[in-house]
């Protein structure tokens, strides 16, 4: 297959960026105007606490500039995502990013200055009607009062952050650029082994290919394990440094604080998943049997158990399937989404040279959301990917339509709920409308693999992060040995006796980029659990269940995520949603075993 260049893609198959700016000249004009506006930030310094009127004047300016800056950034980002080989797109994205950084620096005084206002005075101000569009934003900011420092201290921390992020940047440069993993000869073709192609090799049906790729890949990490340990040590110590400087009890508390999430949520997740590990071990035994192996090795755990179903869906047919699957959400949701995916051109549909790989949805306050796809008609999983990104898009759509700018943006904790929810509805629809046992096995197998990857694996990562941070906070140093031994313990616990691990298997803990963004991955696990629970409620419930879910989508950033999910009918402070998702996993496993192993 020949990959087309950007100019060879039909206009109707690309996203419509004229909804952001009519042309590039309009973007340049707005970019220049914002460049001048950023300089006005200093005019507000020292005035925010002098009167209610001055604070309102600033907030109006502050939010208006951010709305315009979002639009400038979105246009540049989408151009770059569509074709990063275009030097004009590279320049535009770089200009927009620099402008955003300039704005961030110019307004670095804002939080500390607002929080220096007398508490009683501030409380009386924000109850005034004119503060209504900003009230949620300001009340959330007030929670940080004990953790925000003086102007000068905040400026020092901002400058230090540029150095503090170097561990993550160096890790990326080392593993993605400098590492040379070599290549493999597969089916007579020489294919480079890279961070990106590693997953391709581990899913290859030829076991010898998987084995060779696995050992070749981790040999490189072994050679650099000491520097990787030093980089992660620097990242963990940066987390702990920030938590101490900002007077948090510990680093975990600091990272949970912005979402107002109690440690109990984190601990409930780990505890529930740990109790369900025997079911996960049973899954690996089923995997061994399906693959007809005497012994399942670590490099065998990602190869698909059911080959891709040969079902062709054109993009338009995929939209029709998704449209039917999402009918339980009502006419408005379905009609808005269908128009967005088709006539309104929210989606950049197909691969082209220079286009970003994978898929994403990107939404801003003042425009419709945009979805990037690399859609392939023969790949059934791409229908699920489109439904997934459509969930994000509709979340953005409802959030921006129902909230002021200051409180429209939802958190990652909530984001993965809306996307995974759509996949649940799509799977349910396809299973109910198929008499093909092979199709049923494929869909159930996909759901099982998604839960293993998102609920079990991300929880293992979350458990590891907690162990390492607590170790350092307790005075224990990070070494190659301590990192690898702690990771080995978790590998053995999660994979059980059904998977053969190797000495180099523990090197996996040195290659996970998410670890450089601490205490983040647990949100994927809570997200899929909430989505499974809510999808069940909507599918089996009544109009009230649907309406409650839509209220959750509309809530945007107006509530903390735990409160927002309670709107929809799920309490993530309780372990029940996690336990229910794990019970659902077991029921899928039972059905899969019934469908597949009777034929093995």
Protein backbone atom coordinates (compact mmCIF):
# COMPACT_ATOMS: atom_id res chain seq x y z
CA UNK A 1 0.00 0.00 0.00
CA UNK A 2 1.36 3.40 -1.03
CA UNK A 3 0.90 6.10 1.59
CA UNK A 4 -0.44 9.30 0.06
CA UNK A 5 0.97 12.75 0.61
CA UNK A 6 -1.23 15.29 2.39
CA UNK A 7 -2.21 17.08 -0.83
CA UNK A 8 -3.47 13.78 -2.30
CA UNK A 9 -6.10 13.33 0.43
CA UNK A 10 -9.64 14.42 -0.47
CA UNK A 11 -10.69 17.61 1.29
CA UNK A 12 -13.87 15.97 2.61
CA UNK A 13 -11.73 13.31 4.31
CA UNK A 14 -9.80 15.92 6.33
CA UNK A 15 -10.88 18.05 9.26
CA UNK A 16 -12.27 21.50 8.53
CA UNK A 17 -9.81 23.94 10.09
CA UNK A 18 -11.66 26.93 8.64
CA UNK A 19 -13.88 26.63 11.70
CA UNK A 20 -10.86 27.88 13.62
CA UNK A 21 -9.41 30.33 11.09
CA UNK A 22 -10.52 31.02 7.54
CA UNK A 23 -6.94 30.81 6.32
CA UNK A 24 -3.37 30.99 7.55
CA UNK A 25 -3.26 34.77 7.19
CA UNK A 26 -6.09 35.06 9.72
CA UNK A 27 -4.13 32.85 12.10
CA UNK A 28 -1.00 35.00 11.70
CA UNK A 29 -2.99 38.14 12.43
CA UNK A 30 -4.43 36.65 15.62
CA UNK A 31 -1.04 35.29 16.65
CA UNK A 32 0.49 38.75 16.35
CA UNK A 33 -2.38 40.39 18.23
CA UNK A 34 -2.06 37.91 21.09
CA UNK A 35 1.69 38.49 21.21
CA UNK A 36 0.97 42.13 22.08
CA UNK A 37 -1.80 41.24 24.54
CA UNK A 38 0.49 39.01 26.56
CA UNK A 39 2.57 42.05 27.41
CA UNK A 40 -0.47 43.58 29.13
CA UNK A 41 -0.30 40.99 31.91
CA UNK A 42 2.20 43.08 33.88
CA UNK A 43 -0.34 45.93 34.02
CA UNK A 44 -2.44 43.79 36.37
CA UNK A 45 0.35 42.77 38.72
CA UNK A 46 -0.23 44.12 42.20
CA UNK A 47 -3.87 45.08 41.50
CA UNK A 48 -5.80 41.84 41.91
CA UNK A 49 -6.47 42.22 45.61
CA UNK A 50 -7.05 45.97 45.70
CA UNK A 51 -10.74 45.77 44.80
CA UNK A 52 -13.46 43.45 43.63
CA UNK A 53 -13.76 45.45 40.41
CA UNK A 54 -10.05 45.11 39.62
CA UNK A 55 -10.17 41.36 40.10
CA UNK A 56 -13.20 41.06 37.81
CA UNK A 57 -11.49 43.21 35.17
CA UNK A 58 -8.43 40.97 35.28
CA UNK A 59 -10.44 37.73 35.15
CA UNK A 60 -12.34 38.95 32.09
CA UNK A 61 -9.03 39.75 30.35
CA UNK A 62 -7.37 36.54 31.60
CA UNK A 63 -10.11 34.22 30.32
CA UNK A 64 -10.62 36.09 27.03
CA UNK A 65 -6.92 35.81 26.20
CA UNK A 66 -6.89 32.08 27.05
CA UNK A 67 -9.91 31.42 24.81
CA UNK A 68 -8.11 33.08 21.90
CA UNK A 69 -4.82 31.39 22.75
CA UNK A 70 -6.54 27.98 22.80
CA UNK A 71 -7.76 28.63 19.28
CA UNK A 72 -4.31 29.67 18.04
CA UNK A 73 -2.72 26.62 19.66
CA UNK A 74 -5.38 24.24 18.32
CA UNK A 75 -4.94 25.41 14.73
CA UNK A 76 -1.15 25.07 14.89
CA UNK A 77 -1.31 21.71 16.68
CA UNK A 78 -3.74 20.20 14.17
CA UNK A 79 -1.73 21.44 11.17
CA UNK A 80 1.37 19.82 12.66
CA UNK A 81 -0.48 16.59 13.52
CA UNK A 82 -1.81 16.37 9.98
CA UNK A 83 1.62 16.78 8.35
CA UNK A 84 4.69 17.21 10.53
CA UNK A 85 6.95 16.98 7.46
CA UNK A 86 5.72 20.37 6.27
CA UNK A 87 8.28 22.95 7.44
CA UNK A 88 5.61 25.67 7.56
CA UNK A 89 3.59 23.51 9.94
CA UNK A 90 6.68 22.93 12.07
CA UNK A 91 7.28 26.66 12.28
CA UNK A 92 3.65 27.46 13.06
CA UNK A 93 3.50 24.92 15.87
CA UNK A 94 6.78 26.19 17.32
CA UNK A 95 5.53 29.80 17.23
CA UNK A 96 2.27 28.86 18.96
CA UNK A 97 4.07 26.86 21.65
CA UNK A 98 6.46 29.72 22.35
CA UNK A 99 3.52 32.12 22.64
CA UNK A 100 1.80 29.83 25.14
CA UNK A 101 5.01 29.64 27.19
CA UNK A 102 5.33 33.42 27.12
CA UNK A 103 1.78 33.79 28.39
CA UNK A 104 2.35 31.23 31.17
CA UNK A 105 5.42 33.11 32.35
CA UNK A 106 3.68 36.49 32.15
CA UNK A 107 0.83 35.38 34.42
CA UNK A 108 2.91 33.35 36.87
CA UNK A 109 2.06 35.89 39.61
CA UNK A 110 -1.68 35.30 39.42
CA UNK A 111 -2.27 32.35 41.77
CA UNK A 112 -0.16 33.65 44.63
CA UNK A 113 -1.59 37.16 44.29
CA UNK A 114 -5.20 35.97 44.33
CA UNK A 115 -4.52 33.69 47.29
CA UNK A 116 -2.94 36.55 49.23
CA UNK A 117 -6.34 38.29 49.39
CA UNK A 118 -7.89 38.17 52.85
CA UNK A 119 -9.92 34.95 53.10
CA UNK A 120 -13.10 36.55 54.46
CA UNK A 121 -12.96 39.37 51.94
CA UNK A 122 -12.31 36.94 49.09
CA UNK A 123 -15.21 34.70 50.17
CA UNK A 124 -17.61 37.64 50.14
CA UNK A 125 -16.41 38.80 46.73
CA UNK A 126 -16.84 35.53 44.89
CA UNK A 127 -20.44 35.12 46.02
CA UNK A 128 -21.32 38.24 44.01
CA UNK A 129 -23.24 37.69 40.78
CA UNK A 130 -20.46 39.08 38.57
CA UNK A 131 -18.15 36.31 39.77
CA UNK A 132 -20.50 33.52 38.68
CA UNK A 133 -18.53 32.55 35.51
CA UNK A 134 -15.34 32.29 37.60
CA UNK A 135 -16.67 30.95 40.90
CA UNK A 136 -15.80 27.29 40.35
CA UNK A 137 -12.31 28.18 39.12
CA UNK A 138 -11.67 30.44 42.12
CA UNK A 139 -13.04 27.98 44.68
CA UNK A 140 -10.79 25.26 43.26
CA UNK A 141 -7.85 27.65 43.41
CA UNK A 142 -8.54 28.44 47.07
CA UNK A 143 -7.90 24.79 47.98
CA UNK A 144 -4.26 25.40 47.07
CA UNK A 145 -3.88 28.26 49.54
CA UNK A 146 -1.59 26.27 51.84
CA UNK A 147 0.51 25.00 48.93
CA UNK A 148 1.12 28.19 46.92
CA UNK A 149 4.25 30.14 47.82
CA UNK A 150 5.20 33.80 47.50
CA UNK A 151 5.70 35.45 44.09
CA UNK A 152 9.47 35.18 44.28
CA UNK A 153 9.38 31.59 45.51
CA UNK A 154 6.94 30.64 42.75
CA UNK A 155 9.22 32.28 40.21
CA UNK A 156 12.18 30.27 41.51
CA UNK A 157 10.15 27.06 41.34
CA UNK A 158 9.06 27.88 37.77
CA UNK A 159 12.70 28.34 36.80
CA UNK A 160 13.71 25.15 38.61
CA UNK A 161 10.96 23.22 36.80
CA UNK A 162 12.85 23.67 33.54
CA UNK A 163 15.72 21.71 35.09
CA UNK A 164 13.38 19.32 36.93
CA UNK A 165 11.83 18.16 33.67
CA UNK A 166 15.19 17.19 32.19
CA UNK A 167 15.03 13.64 33.56
CA UNK A 168 11.88 12.98 31.54
CA UNK A 169 13.27 14.73 28.46
CA UNK A 170 16.55 12.84 28.72
CA UNK A 171 14.73 9.53 29.12
CA UNK A 172 12.78 10.25 25.91
CA UNK A 173 15.86 11.32 23.97
CA UNK A 174 17.83 8.29 25.16
CA UNK A 175 15.20 5.61 24.54
CA UNK A 176 13.57 7.04 21.40
CA UNK A 177 16.55 8.61 19.64
CA UNK A 178 19.88 7.29 20.88
CA UNK A 179 19.01 3.65 21.49
CA UNK A 180 19.81 1.42 18.53
CA UNK A 181 17.84 -1.82 18.80
CA UNK A 182 18.97 -3.11 15.41
CA UNK A 183 16.59 -4.94 13.11
CA UNK A 184 14.91 -8.28 12.42
CA UNK A 185 14.40 -10.14 9.19
CA UNK A 186 10.70 -11.04 9.03
CA UNK A 187 9.13 -12.72 6.01
CA UNK A 188 12.21 -11.79 3.97
CA UNK A 189 11.96 -8.11 4.94
CA UNK A 190 14.38 -6.16 7.11
CA UNK A 191 12.34 -4.32 9.76
CA UNK A 192 13.90 -1.97 12.29
CA UNK A 193 13.29 -2.77 15.94
CA UNK A 194 12.21 0.45 17.66
CA UNK A 195 10.06 1.55 20.58
CA UNK A 196 7.16 1.77 18.11
CA UNK A 197 7.70 -1.53 16.28
CA UNK A 198 8.35 -3.51 19.47
CA UNK A 199 4.61 -3.99 20.03
CA UNK A 200 4.24 -5.13 16.40
CA UNK A 201 6.88 -7.80 16.93
CA UNK A 202 5.32 -8.97 20.22
CA UNK A 203 2.01 -9.46 18.41
CA UNK A 204 3.58 -11.39 15.54
CA UNK A 205 2.10 -14.90 15.07
CA UNK A 206 5.59 -16.42 14.68
CA UNK A 207 6.83 -17.17 18.18
CA UNK A 208 10.48 -17.10 17.12
CA UNK A 209 10.00 -13.50 15.98
CA UNK A 210 8.48 -12.56 19.33
CA UNK A 211 11.26 -14.24 21.25
CA UNK A 212 14.06 -12.70 19.23
CA UNK A 213 12.55 -9.20 19.39
CA UNK A 214 11.99 -9.47 23.15
CA UNK A 215 15.54 -10.45 24.02
CA UNK A 216 17.12 -8.11 21.47
CA UNK A 217 15.06 -5.18 22.79
CA UNK A 218 15.82 -5.74 26.48
CA UNK A 219 19.51 -6.36 25.82
CA UNK A 220 19.76 -2.66 24.93
CA UNK A 221 18.02 -1.64 28.15
CA UNK A 222 20.36 -3.91 30.10
CA UNK A 223 23.39 -2.10 28.68
CA UNK A 224 21.98 1.25 29.82
CA UNK A 225 20.26 0.19 33.04
CA UNK A 226 22.48 2.32 35.28
CA UNK A 227 21.81 5.60 33.52
CA UNK A 228 18.09 4.74 33.31
CA UNK A 229 18.03 4.12 37.06
CA UNK A 230 19.72 7.48 37.64
CA UNK A 231 17.15 9.23 35.44
CA UNK A 232 14.22 7.69 37.28
CA UNK A 233 15.88 8.46 40.60
CA UNK A 234 16.08 12.13 39.54
CA UNK A 235 12.41 12.12 38.53
CA UNK A 236 11.23 10.58 41.82
CA UNK A 237 13.36 12.98 43.84
CA UNK A 238 11.91 15.90 41.88
CA UNK A 239 8.41 14.68 42.83
CA UNK A 240 9.38 14.45 46.48
CA UNK A 241 11.15 17.83 46.38
CA UNK A 242 7.98 19.51 45.08
CA UNK A 243 5.78 17.78 47.63
CA UNK A 244 8.00 18.95 50.50
CA UNK A 245 8.40 22.51 49.22
CA UNK A 246 4.64 22.81 48.81
CA UNK A 247 3.93 21.26 52.23
CA UNK A 248 2.11 18.09 51.19
CA UNK A 249 2.22 15.00 53.40
CA UNK A 250 3.88 13.04 50.61
CA UNK A 251 4.18 12.90 46.83
CA UNK A 252 1.09 10.72 46.31
CA UNK A 253 -1.03 13.23 48.24
CA UNK A 254 0.34 16.05 46.08
CA UNK A 255 -0.57 14.34 42.80
CA UNK A 256 -4.07 13.40 43.99
CA UNK A 257 -4.78 16.85 45.42
CA UNK A 258 -5.77 18.75 42.21
CA UNK A 259 -8.56 16.24 41.50
CA UNK A 260 -9.56 16.18 45.19
CA UNK A 261 -9.11 12.40 45.21
CA UNK A 262 -8.62 10.66 48.52
CA UNK A 263 -5.85 8.08 48.91
CA UNK A 264 -8.62 5.60 49.63
CA UNK A 265 -9.54 5.61 45.92
CA UNK A 266 -5.97 4.65 44.97
CA UNK A 267 -5.72 2.04 47.70
CA UNK A 268 -9.16 0.53 46.91
CA UNK A 269 -8.07 0.07 43.31
CA UNK A 270 -4.88 -1.77 44.24
CA UNK A 271 -6.61 -3.90 46.88
CA UNK A 272 -9.49 -4.92 44.60
CA UNK A 273 -7.21 -5.83 41.71
CA UNK A 274 -4.94 -7.81 44.03
CA UNK A 275 -7.91 -9.87 45.20
CA UNK A 276 -8.77 -10.63 41.57
CA UNK A 277 -5.29 -11.78 40.55
CA UNK A 278 -6.28 -15.50 40.56
CA UNK A 279 -8.70 -14.68 37.72
CA UNK A 280 -5.89 -12.93 35.84
CA UNK A 281 -3.69 -15.98 36.34
CA UNK A 282 -6.48 -18.11 34.92
CA UNK A 283 -6.57 -15.82 31.87
CA UNK A 284 -2.88 -16.52 31.23
CA UNK A 285 -3.51 -20.25 31.50
CA UNK A 286 -6.31 -19.95 28.95
CA UNK A 287 -3.95 -17.96 26.74
CA UNK A 288 -1.36 -20.75 26.98
CA UNK A 289 -3.94 -23.32 25.92
CA UNK A 290 -5.29 -21.24 23.03
CA UNK A 291 -1.76 -20.66 21.72
CA UNK A 292 -1.09 -24.39 22.20
CA UNK A 293 2.14 -23.79 24.11
CA UNK A 294 3.77 -26.04 26.67
CA UNK A 295 4.83 -22.94 28.56
CA UNK A 296 3.69 -19.31 28.16
CA UNK A 297 6.58 -16.86 28.13
CA UNK A 298 6.57 -13.13 28.84
CA UNK A 299 6.91 -12.46 25.12
CA UNK A 300 3.71 -14.46 24.43
CA UNK A 301 1.27 -12.36 26.46
CA UNK A 302 0.41 -9.77 23.77
CA UNK A 303 -0.11 -11.83 20.62
CA UNK A 304 -3.82 -11.70 19.65
CA UNK A 305 -5.71 -14.86 20.59
CA UNK A 306 -8.22 -14.34 17.79
CA UNK A 307 -6.95 -13.14 14.44
CA UNK A 308 -8.37 -9.93 12.99
CA UNK A 309 -11.82 -10.68 11.58
CA UNK A 310 -12.03 -10.19 7.84
CA UNK A 311 -14.89 -7.72 7.90
CA UNK A 312 -14.64 -4.58 5.82
CA UNK A 313 -16.22 -1.36 7.04
CA UNK A 314 -15.82 1.75 4.93
CA UNK A 315 -15.55 4.86 7.07
CA UNK A 316 -19.19 5.69 6.31
CA UNK A 317 -20.27 2.16 7.30
CA UNK A 318 -18.31 2.45 10.54
CA UNK A 319 -20.18 5.66 11.36
CA UNK A 320 -23.50 3.88 10.72
CA UNK A 321 -22.57 1.03 13.06
CA UNK A 322 -21.51 3.48 15.77
CA UNK A 323 -24.68 5.50 15.23
CA UNK A 324 -26.82 2.42 15.87
CA UNK A 325 -24.73 1.27 18.83
CA UNK A 326 -25.07 4.62 20.60
CA UNK A 327 -28.86 4.88 20.25
CA UNK A 328 -29.32 4.32 24.01
CA UNK A 329 -27.84 7.81 24.52
CA UNK A 330 -30.72 9.48 22.71
CA UNK A 331 -31.42 11.37 19.51
CA UNK A 332 -29.50 14.56 20.31
CA UNK A 333 -26.24 12.79 21.18
CA UNK A 334 -26.42 10.56 18.11
CA UNK A 335 -27.43 13.28 15.62
CA UNK A 336 -24.76 15.75 16.79
CA UNK A 337 -22.09 13.05 16.68
CA UNK A 338 -23.17 11.68 13.29
CA UNK A 339 -23.04 15.14 11.72
CA UNK A 340 -19.68 15.75 13.36
CA UNK A 341 -18.22 12.52 11.98
CA UNK A 342 -19.56 13.20 8.48
CA UNK A 343 -20.80 16.54 7.13
CA UNK A 344 -19.24 18.75 9.81
CA UNK A 345 -15.80 17.23 9.18
CA UNK A 346 -14.63 16.81 12.75
CA UNK A 347 -12.45 13.90 11.62
CA UNK A 348 -9.19 13.66 9.71
CA UNK A 349 -9.82 10.15 8.48
CA UNK A 350 -6.93 8.50 6.68
CA UNK A 351 -3.16 8.09 6.87
CA UNK A 352 -0.85 10.36 4.91
CA UNK A 353 2.89 10.93 4.92
CA UNK A 354 3.96 13.02 7.89
CA UNK A 355 0.70 12.49 9.76
CA UNK A 356 0.81 11.64 13.44
CA UNK A 357 0.28 7.93 14.11
CA UNK A 358 -2.55 6.47 16.19
CA UNK A 359 -5.64 8.44 17.06
CA UNK A 360 -6.74 11.28 19.34
CA UNK A 361 -9.55 13.73 20.04
CA UNK A 362 -8.79 17.36 20.79
CA UNK A 363 -11.43 19.77 22.02
CA UNK A 364 -11.37 23.46 22.89
CA UNK A 365 -13.97 25.86 24.29
CA UNK A 366 -14.72 27.97 21.21
CA UNK A 367 -14.95 25.36 18.48
CA UNK A 368 -16.14 21.86 17.71
CA UNK A 369 -13.81 19.00 18.73
CA UNK A 370 -11.43 17.44 16.22
CA UNK A 371 -10.54 13.75 15.84
CA UNK A 372 -7.42 12.33 14.23
CA UNK A 373 -7.70 8.83 12.79
CA UNK A 374 -5.56 6.63 10.56
CA UNK A 375 -8.60 4.61 9.58
CA UNK A 376 -8.24 1.28 7.74
CA UNK A 377 -11.36 -0.34 6.33
CA UNK A 378 -10.16 -3.91 6.90
CA UNK A 379 -9.27 -3.39 10.57
CA UNK A 380 -12.29 -3.95 12.83
CA UNK A 381 -10.43 -2.48 15.79
CA UNK A 382 -10.46 0.88 13.98
CA UNK A 383 -14.26 0.96 14.27
CA UNK A 384 -13.81 0.70 18.04
CA UNK A 385 -11.09 3.37 17.93
CA UNK A 386 -13.43 5.74 16.12
CA UNK A 387 -16.16 5.10 18.73
CA UNK A 388 -13.58 5.67 21.49
CA UNK A 389 -12.43 9.03 20.10
CA UNK A 390 -16.05 10.00 19.41
CA UNK A 391 -16.70 9.54 23.14
CA UNK A 392 -13.94 12.03 23.94
CA UNK A 393 -15.27 14.41 21.29
CA UNK A 394 -18.82 14.40 22.63
CA UNK A 395 -17.52 14.89 26.16
CA UNK A 396 -15.72 18.01 24.91
CA UNK A 397 -18.79 19.11 22.97
CA UNK A 398 -21.13 18.90 25.97
CA UNK A 399 -18.56 20.37 28.37
CA UNK A 400 -17.99 23.49 26.28
CA UNK A 401 -21.70 23.98 25.59
CA UNK A 402 -22.73 23.85 29.25
CA UNK A 403 -20.00 25.64 31.20
CA UNK A 404 -18.15 28.95 31.20
CA UNK A 405 -14.59 28.80 29.93
CA UNK A 406 -13.11 28.95 33.43
CA UNK A 407 -14.68 25.62 34.36
CA UNK A 408 -15.36 23.74 31.13
CA UNK A 409 -12.25 21.56 30.98
CA UNK A 410 -12.60 18.10 32.53
CA UNK A 411 -9.82 15.99 34.04
CA UNK A 412 -8.10 12.86 32.74
CA UNK A 413 -9.80 11.00 35.60
CA UNK A 414 -13.12 11.63 33.80
CA UNK A 415 -11.89 11.63 30.20
CA UNK A 416 -11.30 7.90 29.86
CA UNK A 417 -14.82 7.17 31.10
CA UNK A 418 -16.59 8.78 28.14
CA UNK A 419 -14.39 7.09 25.54
CA UNK A 420 -14.40 3.59 27.02
CA UNK A 421 -18.15 3.88 27.65
CA UNK A 422 -18.72 4.19 23.88
CA UNK A 423 -16.62 1.11 23.23
CA UNK A 424 -18.75 -0.82 25.71
CA UNK A 425 -21.94 0.17 23.89
CA UNK A 426 -20.41 -0.70 20.51
CA UNK A 427 -19.30 -4.14 21.73
CA UNK A 428 -22.76 -4.80 23.17
CA UNK A 429 -24.43 -3.84 19.89
CA UNK A 430 -22.11 -5.92 17.73
CA UNK A 431 -22.49 -8.96 19.95
CA UNK A 432 -26.29 -8.70 19.89
CA UNK A 433 -26.32 -8.35 16.11
CA UNK A 434 -23.97 -11.15 15.17
CA UNK A 435 -24.63 -14.86 14.84
CA UNK A 436 -20.99 -15.56 14.03
CA UNK A 437 -19.17 -17.28 16.92
CA UNK A 438 -15.82 -16.19 15.48
CA UNK A 439 -16.97 -12.56 15.60
CA UNK A 440 -18.23 -13.05 19.15
CA UNK A 441 -14.91 -14.57 20.21
CA UNK A 442 -13.02 -11.68 18.59
CA UNK A 443 -15.07 -8.96 20.31
CA UNK A 444 -14.99 -10.68 23.69
CA UNK A 445 -11.27 -11.32 23.27
CA UNK A 446 -10.75 -7.63 22.53
CA UNK A 447 -12.70 -6.65 25.64
CA UNK A 448 -10.67 -9.08 27.75
CA UNK A 449 -7.37 -7.75 26.39
CA UNK A 450 -8.49 -4.16 26.98
CA UNK A 451 -9.29 -4.90 30.63
CA UNK A 452 -5.99 -6.72 31.12
CA UNK A 453 -4.09 -3.78 29.59
CA UNK A 454 -6.07 -0.99 31.24
CA UNK A 455 -7.30 -2.29 34.57
CA UNK A 456 -4.74 -4.92 35.61
CA UNK A 457 -1.56 -3.63 33.97
CA UNK A 458 -2.08 0.04 34.84
CA UNK A 459 -2.82 -0.93 38.44
CA UNK A 460 0.45 -2.85 38.54
CA UNK A 461 2.20 0.30 37.35
CA UNK A 462 0.35 2.34 39.98
CA UNK A 463 1.40 -0.09 42.68
CA UNK A 464 5.04 0.12 41.54
CA UNK A 465 5.05 3.93 41.59
CA UNK A 466 3.69 3.94 45.12
CA UNK A 467 6.28 1.42 46.33
CA UNK A 468 9.22 3.33 44.82
CA UNK A 469 8.13 6.76 46.04
CA UNK A 470 7.49 5.44 49.56
CA UNK A 471 10.87 3.75 49.52
CA UNK A 472 12.67 7.03 48.74
CA UNK A 473 10.50 9.01 51.15
CA UNK A 474 11.52 6.51 53.81
CA UNK A 475 15.21 7.17 53.18
CA UNK A 476 16.02 4.17 50.95
CA UNK A 477 18.12 5.02 47.88
CA UNK A 478 17.15 4.07 44.34
CA UNK A 479 19.56 1.65 42.70
CA UNK A 480 19.33 -0.58 39.65
CA UNK A 481 18.97 -3.51 42.02
CA UNK A 482 16.16 -1.95 44.10
CA UNK A 483 14.20 -0.91 41.00
CA UNK A 484 14.51 -4.28 39.31
CA UNK A 485 13.84 -6.35 42.42
CA UNK A 486 10.68 -4.39 43.29
CA UNK A 487 9.46 -4.67 39.71
CA UNK A 488 10.21 -8.41 39.68
CA UNK A 489 8.07 -8.91 42.76
CA UNK A 490 5.11 -7.27 41.02
CA UNK A 491 5.67 -9.17 37.77
CA UNK A 492 5.60 -12.46 39.65
CA UNK A 493 2.51 -11.42 41.58
CA UNK A 494 0.53 -10.29 38.53
CA UNK A 495 1.60 -13.01 36.08
CA UNK A 496 1.62 -15.84 38.63
CA UNK A 497 3.03 -19.25 37.87
CA UNK A 498 1.47 -19.38 34.41
CA UNK A 499 3.99 -17.15 32.69
CA UNK A 500 7.71 -17.75 32.35
CA UNK A 501 9.63 -14.63 33.30
CA UNK A 502 13.29 -14.00 32.59
CA UNK A 503 15.99 -12.16 34.51
CA UNK A 504 15.69 -9.35 31.96
CA UNK A 505 11.89 -9.13 32.36
CA UNK A 506 12.37 -6.69 35.26
CA UNK A 507 14.02 -4.27 32.82
CA UNK A 508 10.49 -3.46 31.66
CA UNK A 509 10.21 -1.17 34.70
CA UNK A 510 13.00 0.98 33.26
CA UNK A 511 11.25 1.64 29.95
CA UNK A 512 7.77 2.88 30.93
CA UNK A 513 7.51 6.60 30.05
CA UNK A 514 4.40 7.06 32.21
CA UNK A 515 6.57 6.70 35.32
CA UNK A 516 8.00 10.13 34.57
CA UNK A 517 4.52 11.55 35.05
CA UNK A 518 3.92 10.20 38.51
CA UNK A 519 0.67 8.75 39.86
CA UNK A 520 -1.17 9.24 36.59
CA UNK A 521 -1.77 5.75 35.21
CA UNK A 522 -4.24 4.71 37.92
CA UNK A 523 -6.78 6.97 36.20
CA UNK A 524 -6.92 4.59 33.24
CA UNK A 525 -7.88 1.76 35.59
CA UNK A 526 -10.56 3.77 37.42
CA UNK A 527 -11.79 5.10 34.07
CA UNK A 528 -12.46 1.72 32.49
CA UNK A 529 -14.10 0.50 35.72
CA UNK A 530 -16.47 3.47 35.82
CA UNK A 531 -17.23 3.09 32.09
CA UNK A 532 -18.14 -0.59 32.44
CA UNK A 533 -20.43 0.20 35.37
CA UNK A 534 -22.13 3.15 33.64
CA UNK A 535 -22.58 1.34 30.33
CA UNK A 536 -24.35 -1.48 32.16
CA UNK A 537 -26.65 1.03 33.88
CA UNK A 538 -27.54 2.79 30.63
CA UNK A 539 -28.07 -0.45 28.69
CA UNK A 540 -30.17 -2.10 31.37
CA UNK A 541 -31.72 0.96 32.97
CA UNK A 542 -34.26 3.58 32.02
CA UNK A 543 -34.29 7.15 30.70
CA UNK A 544 -33.12 8.44 34.07
CA UNK A 545 -29.88 6.45 33.80
CA UNK A 546 -29.23 7.88 30.33
CA UNK A 547 -29.99 11.41 31.51
CA UNK A 548 -27.68 11.05 34.50
CA UNK A 549 -24.86 9.93 32.23
CA UNK A 550 -25.42 12.91 29.91
CA UNK A 551 -25.39 15.21 32.95
CA UNK A 552 -21.97 13.82 33.75
CA UNK A 553 -20.76 14.71 30.23
CA UNK A 554 -22.22 18.19 30.58
CA UNK A 555 -20.62 18.82 33.95
CA UNK A 556 -17.20 19.42 32.37
CA UNK A 557 -14.87 20.83 34.99
CA UNK A 558 -17.63 22.28 37.15
CA UNK A 559 -17.13 19.56 39.76
CA UNK A 560 -14.31 17.43 41.02
CA UNK A 561 -14.19 14.09 39.16
CA UNK A 562 -15.50 11.95 42.03
CA UNK A 563 -18.51 14.28 42.37
CA UNK A 564 -19.07 14.37 38.60
CA UNK A 565 -19.14 10.58 38.39
CA UNK A 566 -21.60 10.43 41.28
CA UNK A 567 -23.91 12.48 39.04
CA UNK A 568 -23.85 9.60 36.59
CA UNK A 569 -24.50 7.06 39.32
CA UNK A 570 -21.11 5.62 40.21
CA UNK A 571 -19.12 6.26 43.39
CA UNK A 572 -15.41 5.75 42.81
CA UNK A 573 -14.66 6.22 46.51
CA UNK A 574 -16.27 2.83 46.95
CA UNK A 575 -14.54 -0.32 45.69
CA UNK A 576 -17.79 -1.61 44.13
CA UNK A 577 -17.21 -0.20 40.59
CA UNK A 578 -13.77 -1.82 40.54
CA UNK A 579 -15.12 -5.10 41.89
CA UNK A 580 -17.97 -5.05 39.36
CA UNK A 581 -15.54 -4.49 36.49
CA UNK A 582 -13.43 -7.40 37.69
CA UNK A 583 -16.51 -9.61 37.96
CA UNK A 584 -17.41 -8.58 34.40
CA UNK A 585 -13.89 -9.57 33.32
CA UNK A 586 -14.41 -13.01 34.81
CA UNK A 587 -17.76 -13.42 33.01
CA UNK A 588 -16.12 -12.48 29.70
CA UNK A 589 -13.37 -14.98 30.39
CA UNK A 590 -15.92 -17.72 31.06
CA UNK A 591 -17.68 -17.05 27.75
CA UNK A 592 -14.40 -16.81 25.84
CA UNK A 593 -13.23 -20.14 27.24
CA UNK A 594 -16.54 -21.68 26.24
CA UNK A 595 -16.27 -20.33 22.68
CA UNK A 596 -12.62 -21.02 22.02
CA UNK A 597 -11.27 -23.87 24.09
CA UNK A 598 -14.00 -26.27 23.02
CA UNK A 599 -12.38 -26.03 19.58
CA UNK A 600 -8.77 -26.34 20.73
